[in-house]
């Protein structure tokens, strides 16, 4: 997953794919790894946090460099808004 930025304020394809995975997890937990088992690109995570779509959840004591995040209400809205726009 790349960290590509969509200047329109909507999540890029990589950001959206990561954020959508939080929709089905308890508390909106976002994964550390993609569906192929590769670590999610830190640029994707950082941009989602900067945009308010995700937020740090807790510090991982076993792996301090890993940022455990959860989906925010703004992130849910960003996903929902872009779904409605693509359906129109």
PDB file of N, CA and C in Angstrom:
ATOM      1  N   UNK A   1       0.844  -1.183   0.000  1.00  0.00           N
ATOM      2  CA  UNK A   1       0.000   0.000   0.000  1.00  0.00           C
ATOM      3  C   UNK A   1       0.881   1.236   0.000  1.00  0.00           C
ATOM      4  N   UNK A   2       0.627   2.116  -0.920  1.00  0.00           N
ATOM      5  CA  UNK A   2       1.406   3.350  -0.917  1.00  0.00           C
ATOM      6  C   UNK A   2       0.715   4.404  -0.073  1.00  0.00           C
ATOM      7  N   UNK A   3       1.396   5.513   0.185  1.00  0.00           N
ATOM      8  CA  UNK A   3       0.842   6.572   1.021  1.00  0.00           C
ATOM      9  C   UNK A   3       0.275   7.705   0.209  1.00  0.00           C
ATOM     10  N   UNK A   4      -0.073   7.455  -1.064  1.00  0.00           N
ATOM     11  CA  UNK A   4      -0.545   8.498  -1.959  1.00  0.00           C
ATOM     12  C   UNK A   4      -1.581   9.414  -1.344  1.00  0.00           C
ATOM     13  N   UNK A   5      -1.487  10.683  -1.680  1.00  0.00           N
ATOM     14  CA  UNK A   5      -2.376  11.687  -1.107  1.00  0.00           C
ATOM     15  C   UNK A   5      -3.330  12.187  -2.175  1.00  0.00           C
ATOM     16  N   UNK A   6      -4.604  12.199  -1.883  1.00  0.00           N
ATOM     17  CA  UNK A   6      -5.626  12.767  -2.754  1.00  0.00           C
ATOM     18  C   UNK A   6      -5.869  14.188  -2.273  1.00  0.00           C
ATOM     19  N   UNK A   7      -5.534  15.147  -3.086  1.00  0.00           N
ATOM     20  CA  UNK A   7      -5.616  16.556  -2.684  1.00  0.00           C
ATOM     21  C   UNK A   7      -7.054  17.064  -2.517  1.00  0.00           C
ATOM     22  N   UNK A   8      -8.051  16.243  -2.839  1.00  0.00           N
ATOM     23  CA  UNK A   8      -9.444  16.663  -2.686  1.00  0.00           C
ATOM     24  C   UNK A   8      -9.941  16.462  -1.263  1.00  0.00           C
ATOM     25  N   UNK A   9      -9.114  15.878  -0.416  1.00  0.00           N
ATOM     26  CA  UNK A   9      -9.524  15.638   0.959  1.00  0.00           C
ATOM     27  C   UNK A   9     -10.214  14.305   1.150  1.00  0.00           C
ATOM     28  N   UNK A  10     -10.195  13.475   0.129  1.00  0.00           N
ATOM     29  CA  UNK A  10     -10.757  12.127   0.224  1.00  0.00           C
ATOM     30  C   UNK A  10      -9.604  11.147   0.373  1.00  0.00           C
ATOM     31  N   UNK A  11      -9.855  10.025   1.023  1.00  0.00           N
ATOM     32  CA  UNK A  11      -8.791   9.027   1.149  1.00  0.00           C
ATOM     33  C   UNK A  11      -8.356   8.494  -0.218  1.00  0.00           C
ATOM     34  N   UNK A  12      -7.050   8.272  -0.373  1.00  0.00           N
ATOM     35  CA  UNK A  12      -6.544   7.621  -1.583  1.00  0.00           C
ATOM     36  C   UNK A  12      -7.019   6.166  -1.565  1.00  0.00           C
ATOM     37  N   UNK A  13      -6.776   5.453  -2.629  1.00  0.00           N
ATOM     38  CA  UNK A  13      -7.185   4.046  -2.693  1.00  0.00           C
ATOM     39  C   UNK A  13      -6.542   3.234  -1.571  1.00  0.00           C
ATOM     40  N   UNK A  14      -5.254   3.445  -1.325  1.00  0.00           N
ATOM     41  CA  UNK A  14      -4.557   2.703  -0.268  1.00  0.00           C
ATOM     42  C   UNK A  14      -5.088   3.078   1.114  1.00  0.00           C
ATOM     43  N   UNK A  15      -5.329   4.356   1.326  1.00  0.00           N
ATOM     44  CA  UNK A  15      -5.856   4.817   2.613  1.00  0.00           C
ATOM     45  C   UNK A  15      -7.254   4.260   2.833  1.00  0.00           C
ATOM     46  N   UNK A  16      -8.069   4.318   1.811  1.00  0.00           N
ATOM     47  CA  UNK A  16      -9.445   3.821   1.903  1.00  0.00           C
ATOM     48  C   UNK A  16      -9.475   2.326   2.221  1.00  0.00           C
ATOM     49  N   UNK A  17      -8.617   1.564   1.540  1.00  0.00           N
ATOM     50  CA  UNK A  17      -8.550   0.121   1.754  1.00  0.00           C
ATOM     51  C   UNK A  17      -8.206  -0.176   3.214  1.00  0.00           C
ATOM     52  N   UNK A  18      -7.258   0.563   3.765  1.00  0.00           N
ATOM     53  CA  UNK A  18      -6.861   0.366   5.169  1.00  0.00           C
ATOM     54  C   UNK A  18      -7.994   0.761   6.105  1.00  0.00           C
ATOM     55  N   UNK A  19      -8.584   1.938   5.873  1.00  0.00           N
ATOM     56  CA  UNK A  19      -9.663   2.428   6.739  1.00  0.00           C
ATOM     57  C   UNK A  19     -10.875   1.499   6.722  1.00  0.00           C
ATOM     58  N   UNK A  20     -11.220   0.973   5.563  1.00  0.00           N
ATOM     59  CA  UNK A  20     -12.389   0.090   5.455  1.00  0.00           C
ATOM     60  C   UNK A  20     -12.246  -1.158   6.316  1.00  0.00           C
ATOM     61  N   UNK A  21     -11.033  -1.598   6.528  1.00  0.00           N
ATOM     62  CA  UNK A  21     -10.829  -2.803   7.347  1.00  0.00           C
ATOM     63  C   UNK A  21     -11.218  -2.563   8.800  1.00  0.00           C
ATOM     64  N   UNK A  22     -11.242  -1.309   9.240  1.00  0.00           N
ATOM     65  CA  UNK A  22     -11.657  -0.989  10.596  1.00  0.00           C
ATOM     66  C   UNK A  22     -13.160  -1.055  10.796  1.00  0.00           C
ATOM     67  N   UNK A  23     -13.917  -1.044   9.706  1.00  0.00           N
ATOM     68  CA  UNK A  23     -15.379  -1.063   9.813  1.00  0.00           C
ATOM     69  C   UNK A  23     -15.909  -2.346  10.443  1.00  0.00           C
ATOM     70  N   UNK A  24     -15.200  -3.440  10.273  1.00  0.00           N
ATOM     71  CA  UNK A  24     -15.690  -4.725  10.761  1.00  0.00           C
ATOM     72  C   UNK A  24     -14.995  -5.189  12.038  1.00  0.00           C
ATOM     73  N   UNK A  25     -14.101  -4.379  12.566  1.00  0.00           N
ATOM     74  CA  UNK A  25     -13.348  -4.772  13.759  1.00  0.00           C
ATOM     75  C   UNK A  25     -13.919  -4.127  15.023  1.00  0.00           C
ATOM     76  N   UNK A  26     -13.848  -4.833  16.141  1.00  0.00           N
ATOM     77  CA  UNK A  26     -14.323  -4.253  17.404  1.00  0.00           C
ATOM     78  C   UNK A  26     -13.605  -2.938  17.699  1.00  0.00           C
ATOM     79  N   UNK A  27     -14.377  -1.916  18.009  1.00  0.00           N
ATOM     80  CA  UNK A  27     -13.812  -0.608  18.323  1.00  0.00           C
ATOM     81  C   UNK A  27     -13.203   0.107  17.142  1.00  0.00           C
ATOM     82  N   UNK A  28     -13.354  -0.442  15.939  1.00  0.00           N
ATOM     83  CA  UNK A  28     -12.787   0.184  14.746  1.00  0.00           C
ATOM     84  C   UNK A  28     -11.289  -0.021  14.617  1.00  0.00           C
ATOM     85  N   UNK A  29     -10.756  -1.060  15.270  1.00  0.00           N
ATOM     86  CA  UNK A  29      -9.305  -1.309  15.240  1.00  0.00           C
ATOM     87  C   UNK A  29      -8.827  -1.471  13.806  1.00  0.00           C
ATOM     88  N   UNK A  30      -7.749  -0.772  13.491  1.00  0.00           N
ATOM     89  CA  UNK A  30      -7.160  -0.837  12.160  1.00  0.00           C
ATOM     90  C   UNK A  30      -5.970  -1.794  12.171  1.00  0.00           C
ATOM     91  N   UNK A  31      -5.784  -2.542  11.089  1.00  0.00           N
ATOM     92  CA  UNK A  31      -4.753  -3.575  11.072  1.00  0.00           C
ATOM     93  C   UNK A  31      -3.336  -3.019  10.942  1.00  0.00           C
ATOM     94  N   UNK A  32      -2.398  -3.784  11.448  1.00  0.00           N
ATOM     95  CA  UNK A  32      -0.981  -3.458  11.287  1.00  0.00           C
ATOM     96  C   UNK A  32      -0.442  -4.032   9.982  1.00  0.00           C
ATOM     97  N   UNK A  33      -1.143  -5.053   9.467  1.00  0.00           N
ATOM     98  CA  UNK A  33      -0.696  -5.745   8.259  1.00  0.00           C
ATOM     99  C   UNK A  33      -1.824  -5.779   7.235  1.00  0.00           C
ATOM    100  N   UNK A  34      -1.449  -5.774   5.949  1.00  0.00           N
ATOM    101  CA  UNK A  34      -2.468  -5.853   4.901  1.00  0.00           C
ATOM    102  C   UNK A  34      -2.941  -7.299   4.743  1.00  0.00           C
ATOM    103  N   UNK A  35      -3.839  -7.521   3.824  1.00  0.00           N
ATOM    104  CA  UNK A  35      -4.429  -8.857   3.650  1.00  0.00           C
ATOM    105  C   UNK A  35      -3.415  -9.879   3.134  1.00  0.00           C
ATOM    106  N   UNK A  36      -2.272  -9.412   2.632  1.00  0.00           N
ATOM    107  CA  UNK A  36      -1.212 -10.313   2.172  1.00  0.00           C
ATOM    108  C   UNK A  36      -0.140 -10.545   3.233  1.00  0.00           C
ATOM    109  N   UNK A  37      -0.334  -9.985   4.434  1.00  0.00           N
ATOM    110  CA  UNK A  37       0.615 -10.190   5.521  1.00  0.00           C
ATOM    111  C   UNK A  37       1.770  -9.206   5.560  1.00  0.00           C
ATOM    112  N   UNK A  38       1.736  -8.186   4.691  1.00  0.00           N
ATOM    113  CA  UNK A  38       2.792  -7.168   4.701  1.00  0.00           C
ATOM    114  C   UNK A  38       2.403  -6.029   5.628  1.00  0.00           C
ATOM    115  N   UNK A  39       3.398  -5.441   6.279  1.00  0.00           N
ATOM    116  CA  UNK A  39       3.151  -4.316   7.168  1.00  0.00           C
ATOM    117  C   UNK A  39       2.565  -3.157   6.362  1.00  0.00           C
ATOM    118  N   UNK A  40       1.519  -2.518   6.898  1.00  0.00           N
ATOM    119  CA  UNK A  40       0.897  -1.375   6.229  1.00  0.00           C
ATOM    120  C   UNK A  40       1.922  -0.249   6.154  1.00  0.00           C
ATOM    121  N   UNK A  41       1.993   0.408   5.018  1.00  0.00           N
ATOM    122  CA  UNK A  41       2.936   1.501   4.802  1.00  0.00           C
ATOM    123  C   UNK A  41       2.710   2.589   5.859  1.00  0.00           C
ATOM    124  N   UNK A  42       3.762   2.964   6.603  1.00  0.00           N
ATOM    125  CA  UNK A  42       3.612   4.000   7.623  1.00  0.00           C
ATOM    126  C   UNK A  42       3.101   5.338   7.069  1.00  0.00           C
ATOM    127  N   UNK A  43       3.368   5.622   5.785  1.00  0.00           N
ATOM    128  CA  UNK A  43       2.871   6.863   5.182  1.00  0.00           C
ATOM    129  C   UNK A  43       1.348   6.859   5.096  1.00  0.00           C
ATOM    130  N   UNK A  44       0.765   5.690   4.849  1.00  0.00           N
ATOM    131  CA  UNK A  44      -0.697   5.567   4.809  1.00  0.00           C
ATOM    132  C   UNK A  44      -1.260   5.879   6.195  1.00  0.00           C
ATOM    133  N   UNK A  45      -0.672   5.258   7.206  1.00  0.00           N
ATOM    134  CA  UNK A  45      -1.133   5.458   8.577  1.00  0.00           C
ATOM    135  C   UNK A  45      -0.980   6.920   8.987  1.00  0.00           C
ATOM    136  N   UNK A  46       0.188   7.495   8.720  1.00  0.00           N
ATOM    137  CA  UNK A  46       0.464   8.885   9.112  1.00  0.00           C
ATOM    138  C   UNK A  46      -0.513   9.863   8.460  1.00  0.00           C
ATOM    139  N   UNK A  47      -0.768   9.688   7.169  1.00  0.00           N
ATOM    140  CA  UNK A  47      -1.682  10.595   6.467  1.00  0.00           C
ATOM    141  C   UNK A  47      -3.105  10.450   6.995  1.00  0.00           C
ATOM    142  N   UNK A  48      -3.521   9.237   7.313  1.00  0.00           N
ATOM    143  CA  UNK A  48      -4.861   9.026   7.859  1.00  0.00           C
ATOM    144  C   UNK A  48      -5.004   9.684   9.232  1.00  0.00           C
ATOM    145  N   UNK A  49      -3.952   9.609  10.038  1.00  0.00           N
ATOM    146  CA  UNK A  49      -3.976  10.275  11.340  1.00  0.00           C
ATOM    147  C   UNK A  49      -4.017  11.794  11.151  1.00  0.00           C
ATOM    148  N   UNK A  50      -3.168  12.318  10.271  1.00  0.00           N
ATOM    149  CA  UNK A  50      -3.136  13.769  10.004  1.00  0.00           C
ATOM    150  C   UNK A  50      -4.480  14.271   9.493  1.00  0.00           C
ATOM    151  N   UNK A  51      -5.182  13.440   8.738  1.00  0.00           N
ATOM    152  CA  UNK A  51      -6.480  13.838   8.174  1.00  0.00           C
ATOM    153  C   UNK A  51      -7.624  13.653   9.158  1.00  0.00           C
ATOM    154  N   UNK A  52      -7.342  13.018  10.298  1.00  0.00           N
ATOM    155  CA  UNK A  52      -8.371  12.796  11.305  1.00  0.00           C
ATOM    156  C   UNK A  52      -9.224  11.573  11.055  1.00  0.00           C
ATOM    157  N   UNK A  53      -8.826  10.728  10.093  1.00  0.00           N
ATOM    158  CA  UNK A  53      -9.597   9.533   9.756  1.00  0.00           C
ATOM    159  C   UNK A  53      -9.269   8.369  10.683  1.00  0.00           C
ATOM    160  N   UNK A  54      -8.113   8.434  11.326  1.00  0.00           N
ATOM    161  CA  UNK A  54      -7.675   7.403  12.267  1.00  0.00           C
ATOM    162  C   UNK A  54      -6.990   8.115  13.428  1.00  0.00           C
ATOM    163  N   UNK A  55      -6.931   7.401  14.555  1.00  0.00           N
ATOM    164  CA  UNK A  55      -6.230   7.962  15.707  1.00  0.00           C
ATOM    165  C   UNK A  55      -5.497   6.856  16.441  1.00  0.00           C
ATOM    166  N   UNK A  56      -4.379   7.205  17.064  1.00  0.00           N
ATOM    167  CA  UNK A  56      -3.666   6.191  17.851  1.00  0.00           C
ATOM    168  C   UNK A  56      -4.582   5.665  18.951  1.00  0.00           C
ATOM    169  N   UNK A  57      -4.516   4.356  19.180  1.00  0.00           N
ATOM    170  CA  UNK A  57      -5.389   3.734  20.159  1.00  0.00           C
ATOM    171  C   UNK A  57      -4.635   3.439  21.441  1.00  0.00           C
ATOM    172  N   UNK A  58      -3.545   2.720  21.329  1.00  0.00           N
ATOM    173  CA  UNK A  58      -2.728   2.440  22.502  1.00  0.00           C
ATOM    174  C   UNK A  58      -1.313   2.109  22.060  1.00  0.00           C
ATOM    175  N   UNK A  59      -0.383   2.196  22.998  1.00  0.00           N
ATOM    176  CA  UNK A  59       1.007   1.861  22.714  1.00  0.00           C
ATOM    177  C   UNK A  59       1.182   0.346  22.790  1.00  0.00           C
ATOM    178  N   UNK A  60       1.862  -0.211  21.831  1.00  0.00           N
ATOM    179  CA  UNK A  60       2.139  -1.629  21.792  1.00  0.00           C
ATOM    180  C   UNK A  60       3.428  -1.869  22.580  1.00  0.00           C
ATOM    181  N   UNK A  61       3.303  -2.434  23.772  1.00  0.00           N
ATOM    182  CA  UNK A  61       4.456  -2.642  24.642  1.00  0.00           C
ATOM    183  C   UNK A  61       5.475  -3.615  24.043  1.00  0.00           C
ATOM    184  N   UNK A  62       5.006  -4.594  23.303  1.00  0.00           N
ATOM    185  CA  UNK A  62       5.914  -5.592  22.716  1.00  0.00           C
ATOM    186  C   UNK A  62       6.652  -5.040  21.496  1.00  0.00           C
ATOM    187  N   UNK A  63       6.016  -4.165  20.763  1.00  0.00           N
ATOM    188  CA  UNK A  63       6.607  -3.573  19.556  1.00  0.00           C
ATOM    189  C   UNK A  63       6.378  -2.065  19.605  1.00  0.00           C
ATOM    190  N   UNK A  64       7.201  -1.323  20.341  1.00  0.00           N
ATOM    191  CA  UNK A  64       6.975   0.116  20.526  1.00  0.00           C
ATOM    192  C   UNK A  64       6.926   0.928  19.226  1.00  0.00           C
ATOM    193  N   UNK A  65       7.552   0.440  18.164  1.00  0.00           N
ATOM    194  CA  UNK A  65       7.540   1.157  16.897  1.00  0.00           C
ATOM    195  C   UNK A  65       6.260   0.987  16.105  1.00  0.00           C
ATOM    196  N   UNK A  66       5.404   0.069  16.534  1.00  0.00           N
ATOM    197  CA  UNK A  66       4.163  -0.195  15.815  1.00  0.00           C
ATOM    198  C   UNK A  66       3.057   0.681  16.375  1.00  0.00           C
ATOM    199  N   UNK A  67       2.374   1.366  15.505  1.00  0.00           N
ATOM    200  CA  UNK A  67       1.313   2.275  15.904  1.00  0.00           C
ATOM    201  C   UNK A  67      -0.039   1.592  15.745  1.00  0.00           C
ATOM    202  N   UNK A  68      -0.688   1.283  16.859  1.00  0.00           N
ATOM    203  CA  UNK A  68      -2.009   0.646  16.836  1.00  0.00           C
ATOM    204  C   UNK A  68      -3.046   1.772  16.792  1.00  0.00           C
ATOM    205  N   UNK A  69      -3.881   1.750  15.760  1.00  0.00           N
ATOM    206  CA  UNK A  69      -4.843   2.832  15.546  1.00  0.00           C
ATOM    207  C   UNK A  69      -6.263   2.305  15.457  1.00  0.00           C
ATOM    208  N   UNK A  70      -7.193   3.238  15.546  1.00  0.00           N
ATOM    209  CA  UNK A  70      -8.606   2.911  15.350  1.00  0.00           C
ATOM    210  C   UNK A  70      -9.229   3.951  14.435  1.00  0.00           C
ATOM    211  N   UNK A  71     -10.290   3.558  13.803  1.00  0.00           N
ATOM    212  CA  UNK A  71     -11.057   4.400  12.900  1.00  0.00           C
ATOM    213  C   UNK A  71     -11.797   5.456  13.705  1.00  0.00           C
ATOM    214  N   UNK A  72     -11.830   6.682  13.214  1.00  0.00           N
ATOM    215  CA  UNK A  72     -12.581   7.745  13.881  1.00  0.00           C
ATOM    216  C   UNK A  72     -13.929   7.943  13.188  1.00  0.00           C
ATOM    217  N   UNK A  73     -14.787   8.731  13.809  1.00  0.00           N
ATOM    218  CA  UNK A  73     -16.079   9.067  13.193  1.00  0.00           C
ATOM    219  C   UNK A  73     -15.848   9.794  11.861  1.00  0.00           C
ATOM    220  N   UNK A  74     -14.840  10.649  11.820  1.00  0.00           N
ATOM    221  CA  UNK A  74     -14.508  11.364  10.584  1.00  0.00           C
ATOM    222  C   UNK A  74     -14.048  10.380   9.507  1.00  0.00           C
ATOM    223  N   UNK A  75     -13.313   9.346   9.911  1.00  0.00           N
ATOM    224  CA  UNK A  75     -12.881   8.320   8.969  1.00  0.00           C
ATOM    225  C   UNK A  75     -14.058   7.544   8.397  1.00  0.00           C
ATOM    226  N   UNK A  76     -14.997   7.198   9.266  1.00  0.00           N
ATOM    227  CA  UNK A  76     -16.217   6.516   8.791  1.00  0.00           C
ATOM    228  C   UNK A  76     -16.968   7.405   7.799  1.00  0.00           C
ATOM    229  N   UNK A  77     -17.052   8.686   8.117  1.00  0.00           N
ATOM    230  CA  UNK A  77     -17.751   9.620   7.227  1.00  0.00           C
ATOM    231  C   UNK A  77     -17.030   9.752   5.889  1.00  0.00           C
ATOM    232  N   UNK A  78     -15.712   9.781   5.904  1.00  0.00           N
ATOM    233  CA  UNK A  78     -14.940   9.903   4.663  1.00  0.00           C
ATOM    234  C   UNK A  78     -15.168   8.693   3.769  1.00  0.00           C
ATOM    235  N   UNK A  79     -15.237   7.520   4.363  1.00  0.00           N
ATOM    236  CA  UNK A  79     -15.483   6.303   3.586  1.00  0.00           C
ATOM    237  C   UNK A  79     -16.902   6.310   3.035  1.00  0.00           C
ATOM    238  N   UNK A  80     -17.857   6.655   3.877  1.00  0.00           N
ATOM    239  CA  UNK A  80     -19.256   6.688   3.471  1.00  0.00           C
ATOM    240  C   UNK A  80     -19.486   7.735   2.381  1.00  0.00           C
ATOM    241  N   UNK A  81     -18.885   8.917   2.539  1.00  0.00           N
ATOM    242  CA  UNK A  81     -19.070   9.997   1.560  1.00  0.00           C
ATOM    243  C   UNK A  81     -18.527   9.582   0.195  1.00  0.00           C
ATOM    244  N   UNK A  82     -17.353   8.964   0.170  1.00  0.00           N
ATOM    245  CA  UNK A  82     -16.796   8.581  -1.124  1.00  0.00           C
ATOM    246  C   UNK A  82     -17.557   7.405  -1.734  1.00  0.00           C
ATOM    247  N   UNK A  83     -18.184   6.549  -0.918  1.00  0.00           N
ATOM    248  CA  UNK A  83     -19.021   5.479  -1.446  1.00  0.00           C
ATOM    249  C   UNK A  83     -20.247   6.074  -2.132  1.00  0.00           C
ATOM    250  N   UNK A  84     -20.852   7.071  -1.493  1.00  0.00           N
ATOM    251  CA  UNK A  84     -22.044   7.701  -2.072  1.00  0.00           C
ATOM    252  C   UNK A  84     -21.711   8.453  -3.347  1.00  0.00           C
ATOM    253  N   UNK A  85     -20.548   9.099  -3.396  1.00  0.00           N
ATOM    254  CA  UNK A  85     -20.160   9.847  -4.585  1.00  0.00           C
ATOM    255  C   UNK A  85     -19.863   8.929  -5.755  1.00  0.00           C
ATOM    256  N   UNK A  86     -19.236   7.765  -5.489  1.00  0.00           N
ATOM    257  CA  UNK A  86     -18.917   6.850  -6.577  1.00  0.00           C
ATOM    258  C   UNK A  86     -20.171   6.134  -7.083  1.00  0.00           C
ATOM    259  N   UNK A  87     -21.207   6.052  -6.271  1.00  0.00           N
ATOM    260  CA  UNK A  87     -22.459   5.406  -6.682  1.00  0.00           C
ATOM    261  C   UNK A  87     -23.311   6.334  -7.517  1.00  0.00           C
ATOM    262  N   UNK A  88     -23.066   7.624  -7.422  1.00  0.00           N
ATOM    263  CA  UNK A  88     -23.886   8.613  -8.147  1.00  0.00           C
ATOM    264  C   UNK A  88     -23.511   8.706  -9.597  1.00  0.00           C
TER     265      UNK A  88
END
